Amino acid sequence: MKTYSKRELNQHSGRILREIEESGEPVLITPGNGRGGTSFMISPAPETPYERLKAAGKIRPATRRGFPGPIMKYEGDFDELMHELRADWGEER
């Protein structure tokens, strides 16, 4: 990881940001004054909401591809099935 001082970032921000964009690697920004202080890390933002959630650890990639198969096959009439379901729910129509 490259390191720059706050002064370098101030004077060469365009070049440093282009480097981050092209390489995709984060950079460390240090106080650079010898007296300590807070350091910062600048990194490219993930491109999509999916990538942001993945980077934050809120989601993880699927372990298998595709959708699971149907739970059961129903070979009857769809209208009869809906009538039965509505009757179970108390929505007789």
N, C-alpha and C. Protein backbone atom coordinates (compact mmCIF):
# COMPACT_ATOMS: atom_id res chain seq x y z
N MET A 1 0.85 -1.17 0.00
CA MET A 1 0.00 0.00 0.00
C MET A 1 0.90 1.24 0.00
N LYS A 2 0.59 2.13 -0.91
CA LYS A 2 1.37 3.38 -0.98
C LYS A 2 0.96 4.30 0.15
N THR A 3 1.89 5.15 0.56
CA THR A 3 1.65 6.10 1.65
C THR A 3 1.98 7.50 1.16
N TYR A 4 1.10 8.44 1.47
CA TYR A 4 1.31 9.85 1.13
C TYR A 4 1.04 10.68 2.38
N SER A 5 1.67 11.83 2.44
CA SER A 5 1.39 12.75 3.55
C SER A 5 0.18 13.60 3.17
N LYS A 6 -0.40 14.25 4.18
CA LYS A 6 -1.54 15.15 3.91
C LYS A 6 -1.10 16.28 2.97
N ARG A 7 0.11 16.73 3.13
CA ARG A 7 0.64 17.79 2.27
C ARG A 7 0.70 17.34 0.81
N GLU A 8 1.19 16.08 0.59
CA GLU A 8 1.24 15.55 -0.78
C GLU A 8 -0.16 15.42 -1.36
N LEU A 9 -1.10 14.95 -0.54
CA LEU A 9 -2.48 14.83 -1.02
C LEU A 9 -3.04 16.20 -1.40
N ASN A 10 -2.74 17.21 -0.58
CA ASN A 10 -3.21 18.55 -0.86
C ASN A 10 -2.65 19.08 -2.18
N GLN A 11 -1.36 18.84 -2.43
CA GLN A 11 -0.71 19.40 -3.60
C GLN A 11 -0.87 18.54 -4.86
N HIS A 12 -1.12 17.25 -4.72
CA HIS A 12 -1.18 16.35 -5.87
C HIS A 12 -2.43 15.46 -5.83
N SER A 13 -3.54 16.00 -5.35
CA SER A 13 -4.74 15.19 -5.16
C SER A 13 -5.23 14.54 -6.45
N GLY A 14 -5.20 15.26 -7.55
CA GLY A 14 -5.67 14.71 -8.83
C GLY A 14 -4.87 13.47 -9.24
N ARG A 15 -3.56 13.57 -9.14
CA ARG A 15 -2.69 12.45 -9.51
C ARG A 15 -2.90 11.26 -8.57
N ILE A 16 -2.99 11.53 -7.29
CA ILE A 16 -3.17 10.45 -6.31
C ILE A 16 -4.51 9.75 -6.51
N LEU A 17 -5.56 10.52 -6.73
CA LEU A 17 -6.88 9.92 -6.95
C LEU A 17 -6.92 9.11 -8.25
N ARG A 18 -6.23 9.58 -9.29
CA ARG A 18 -6.14 8.79 -10.53
C ARG A 18 -5.43 7.47 -10.29
N GLU A 19 -4.36 7.50 -9.50
CA GLU A 19 -3.64 6.27 -9.17
C GLU A 19 -4.55 5.27 -8.44
N ILE A 20 -5.34 5.79 -7.49
CA ILE A 20 -6.27 4.92 -6.74
C ILE A 20 -7.30 4.33 -7.70
N GLU A 21 -7.82 5.17 -8.59
CA GLU A 21 -8.84 4.72 -9.54
C GLU A 21 -8.28 3.66 -10.50
N GLU A 22 -7.08 3.88 -11.01
CA GLU A 22 -6.50 2.95 -11.98
C GLU A 22 -6.05 1.64 -11.35
N SER A 23 -5.46 1.72 -10.16
CA SER A 23 -4.93 0.50 -9.53
C SER A 23 -5.99 -0.24 -8.73
N GLY A 24 -6.98 0.48 -8.22
CA GLY A 24 -7.98 -0.13 -7.36
C GLY A 24 -7.47 -0.41 -5.96
N GLU A 25 -6.24 0.00 -5.67
CA GLU A 25 -5.62 -0.23 -4.37
C GLU A 25 -5.81 0.99 -3.47
N PRO A 26 -6.04 0.76 -2.18
CA PRO A 26 -6.15 1.90 -1.26
C PRO A 26 -4.77 2.52 -0.99
N VAL A 27 -4.78 3.77 -0.54
CA VAL A 27 -3.55 4.44 -0.13
C VAL A 27 -3.72 4.95 1.30
N LEU A 28 -2.60 5.07 2.00
CA LEU A 28 -2.62 5.57 3.37
C LEU A 28 -2.17 7.02 3.36
N ILE A 29 -2.94 7.89 4.01
CA ILE A 29 -2.60 9.30 4.14
C ILE A 29 -2.18 9.54 5.59
N THR A 30 -0.95 10.00 5.77
CA THR A 30 -0.41 10.22 7.11
C THR A 30 -0.30 11.72 7.38
N PRO A 31 -0.23 12.10 8.67
CA PRO A 31 -0.09 13.52 9.00
C PRO A 31 1.18 14.12 8.41
N GLY A 32 2.27 13.36 8.44
CA GLY A 32 3.50 13.81 7.81
C GLY A 32 4.19 14.97 8.49
N ASN A 33 3.77 15.33 9.70
CA ASN A 33 4.40 16.47 10.37
C ASN A 33 5.33 16.05 11.50
N GLY A 34 5.45 14.75 11.73
CA GLY A 34 6.34 14.28 12.78
C GLY A 34 5.78 14.40 14.18
N ARG A 35 4.59 14.98 14.33
CA ARG A 35 4.00 15.16 15.66
C ARG A 35 2.84 14.19 15.91
N GLY A 36 2.67 13.24 15.04
CA GLY A 36 1.55 12.30 15.20
C GLY A 36 0.27 12.87 14.62
N GLY A 37 -0.80 12.24 14.91
CA GLY A 37 -2.08 12.67 14.39
C GLY A 37 -2.80 11.51 13.74
N THR A 38 -3.92 11.80 13.16
CA THR A 38 -4.75 10.76 12.58
C THR A 38 -4.32 10.44 11.16
N SER A 39 -4.24 9.16 10.85
CA SER A 39 -3.98 8.71 9.48
C SER A 39 -5.30 8.32 8.85
N PHE A 40 -5.36 8.39 7.55
CA PHE A 40 -6.57 8.07 6.81
C PHE A 40 -6.24 7.09 5.70
N MET A 41 -7.23 6.31 5.31
CA MET A 41 -7.06 5.42 4.16
C MET A 41 -8.10 5.83 3.12
N ILE A 42 -7.65 5.98 1.89
CA ILE A 42 -8.54 6.28 0.78
C ILE A 42 -8.55 5.08 -0.14
N SER A 43 -9.75 4.59 -0.44
CA SER A 43 -9.86 3.44 -1.35
C SER A 43 -11.04 3.67 -2.28
N PRO A 44 -11.03 3.01 -3.43
CA PRO A 44 -12.15 3.18 -4.35
C PRO A 44 -13.42 2.60 -3.74
N ALA A 45 -14.53 3.26 -3.98
CA ALA A 45 -15.83 2.75 -3.50
C ALA A 45 -16.25 1.58 -4.36
N PRO A 46 -16.90 0.57 -3.76
CA PRO A 46 -17.41 -0.53 -4.58
C PRO A 46 -18.40 -0.01 -5.62
N GLU A 47 -18.45 -0.68 -6.75
CA GLU A 47 -19.25 -0.21 -7.88
C GLU A 47 -20.75 -0.34 -7.67
N THR A 48 -21.20 -1.41 -7.05
CA THR A 48 -22.64 -1.68 -6.96
C THR A 48 -23.07 -1.82 -5.51
N PRO A 49 -24.38 -1.71 -5.25
CA PRO A 49 -24.86 -1.95 -3.89
C PRO A 49 -24.46 -3.35 -3.39
N TYR A 50 -24.49 -4.34 -4.29
CA TYR A 50 -24.07 -5.70 -3.93
C TYR A 50 -22.63 -5.71 -3.44
N GLU A 51 -21.74 -5.05 -4.17
CA GLU A 51 -20.34 -5.00 -3.79
C GLU A 51 -20.14 -4.26 -2.46
N ARG A 52 -20.92 -3.18 -2.24
CA ARG A 52 -20.82 -2.46 -0.97
C ARG A 52 -21.24 -3.35 0.20
N LEU A 53 -22.36 -4.08 0.05
CA LEU A 53 -22.83 -4.96 1.11
C LEU A 53 -21.85 -6.11 1.35
N LYS A 54 -21.28 -6.63 0.26
CA LYS A 54 -20.30 -7.71 0.37
C LYS A 54 -19.04 -7.22 1.09
N ALA A 55 -18.58 -6.03 0.74
CA ALA A 55 -17.38 -5.47 1.37
C ALA A 55 -17.62 -5.18 2.85
N ALA A 56 -18.86 -4.81 3.21
CA ALA A 56 -19.19 -4.53 4.61
C ALA A 56 -19.43 -5.80 5.41
N GLY A 57 -19.46 -6.95 4.73
CA GLY A 57 -19.68 -8.22 5.41
C GLY A 57 -21.13 -8.49 5.76
N LYS A 58 -22.05 -7.73 5.14
CA LYS A 58 -23.47 -7.92 5.44
C LYS A 58 -24.11 -9.03 4.62
N ILE A 59 -23.50 -9.39 3.50
CA ILE A 59 -23.97 -10.51 2.69
C ILE A 59 -22.77 -11.33 2.26
N ARG A 60 -23.03 -12.53 1.84
CA ARG A 60 -21.95 -13.37 1.31
C ARG A 60 -22.43 -14.01 0.01
N PRO A 61 -21.52 -14.29 -0.89
CA PRO A 61 -21.90 -14.85 -2.18
C PRO A 61 -22.58 -16.22 -2.02
N ALA A 62 -23.44 -16.54 -2.97
CA ALA A 62 -24.12 -17.83 -2.95
C ALA A 62 -23.10 -18.95 -3.10
N THR A 63 -23.40 -20.08 -2.48
CA THR A 63 -22.48 -21.21 -2.56
C THR A 63 -22.83 -22.14 -3.70
N ARG A 64 -24.03 -22.00 -4.26
CA ARG A 64 -24.40 -22.82 -5.42
C ARG A 64 -25.15 -21.96 -6.42
N ARG A 65 -25.16 -22.42 -7.64
CA ARG A 65 -25.77 -21.63 -8.72
C ARG A 65 -27.22 -22.03 -8.93
N GLY A 66 -28.01 -21.09 -9.40
CA GLY A 66 -29.39 -21.38 -9.79
C GLY A 66 -30.35 -21.41 -8.62
N PHE A 67 -31.61 -21.63 -8.95
CA PHE A 67 -32.67 -21.71 -7.96
C PHE A 67 -32.94 -23.17 -7.62
N PRO A 68 -33.38 -23.42 -6.40
CA PRO A 68 -33.74 -24.80 -6.08
C PRO A 68 -34.97 -25.21 -6.88
N GLY A 69 -35.14 -26.48 -7.06
CA GLY A 69 -36.29 -27.00 -7.79
C GLY A 69 -37.59 -26.77 -7.03
N PRO A 70 -38.73 -27.05 -7.65
CA PRO A 70 -40.01 -26.84 -6.98
C PRO A 70 -40.14 -27.78 -5.77
N ILE A 71 -40.83 -27.31 -4.75
CA ILE A 71 -41.02 -28.11 -3.54
C ILE A 71 -41.91 -29.31 -3.85
N MET A 72 -42.97 -29.09 -4.62
CA MET A 72 -43.85 -30.18 -5.01
C MET A 72 -44.44 -29.88 -6.38
N LYS A 73 -44.81 -30.90 -7.07
CA LYS A 73 -45.48 -30.71 -8.36
C LYS A 73 -46.98 -30.74 -8.12
N TYR A 74 -47.67 -29.83 -8.76
CA TYR A 74 -49.13 -29.83 -8.69
C TYR A 74 -49.63 -30.03 -10.11
N GLU A 75 -50.33 -31.11 -10.29
CA GLU A 75 -50.80 -31.45 -11.64
C GLU A 75 -52.28 -31.19 -11.82
N GLY A 76 -52.92 -30.61 -10.82
CA GLY A 76 -54.36 -30.33 -10.92
C GLY A 76 -54.62 -29.02 -11.62
N ASP A 77 -55.86 -28.57 -11.53
CA ASP A 77 -56.30 -27.33 -12.14
C ASP A 77 -55.90 -26.16 -11.22
N PHE A 78 -55.30 -25.15 -11.79
CA PHE A 78 -54.82 -24.01 -11.01
C PHE A 78 -55.98 -23.29 -10.32
N ASP A 79 -57.12 -23.13 -11.01
CA ASP A 79 -58.27 -22.44 -10.42
C ASP A 79 -58.80 -23.20 -9.20
N GLU A 80 -58.82 -24.54 -9.28
CA GLU A 80 -59.26 -25.34 -8.14
C GLU A 80 -58.30 -25.17 -6.95
N LEU A 81 -57.01 -25.15 -7.25
CA LEU A 81 -56.03 -24.95 -6.20
C LEU A 81 -56.24 -23.60 -5.52
N MET A 82 -56.44 -22.55 -6.28
CA MET A 82 -56.64 -21.21 -5.70
C MET A 82 -57.93 -21.18 -4.89
N HIS A 83 -58.97 -21.86 -5.35
CA HIS A 83 -60.24 -21.92 -4.61
C HIS A 83 -60.01 -22.60 -3.25
N GLU A 84 -59.25 -23.70 -3.26
CA GLU A 84 -58.96 -24.41 -2.01
C GLU A 84 -58.13 -23.53 -1.06
N LEU A 85 -57.14 -22.86 -1.59
CA LEU A 85 -56.31 -22.01 -0.75
C LEU A 85 -57.10 -20.85 -0.16
N ARG A 86 -57.94 -20.24 -0.96
CA ARG A 86 -58.75 -19.12 -0.46
C ARG A 86 -59.72 -19.60 0.61
N ALA A 87 -60.25 -20.78 0.44
CA ALA A 87 -61.16 -21.33 1.46
C ALA A 87 -60.41 -21.57 2.77
N ASP A 88 -59.16 -22.02 2.66
CA ASP A 88 -58.35 -22.22 3.86
C ASP A 88 -58.07 -20.89 4.56
N TRP A 89 -57.94 -19.82 3.80
CA TRP A 89 -57.64 -18.52 4.35
C TRP A 89 -58.90 -17.77 4.77
N GLY A 90 -60.07 -18.33 4.47
CA GLY A 90 -61.32 -17.65 4.81
C GLY A 90 -61.69 -16.58 3.81
N GLU A 91 -61.21 -16.70 2.60
CA GLU A 91 -61.50 -15.71 1.56
C GLU A 91 -62.39 -16.33 0.49
N GLU A 92 -63.47 -16.88 0.86
CA GLU A 92 -64.38 -17.53 -0.10
C GLU A 92 -64.90 -16.49 -1.07
N ARG A 93 -64.76 -16.77 -2.35
CA ARG A 93 -65.25 -15.81 -3.36
C ARG A 93 -66.05 -16.53 -4.40
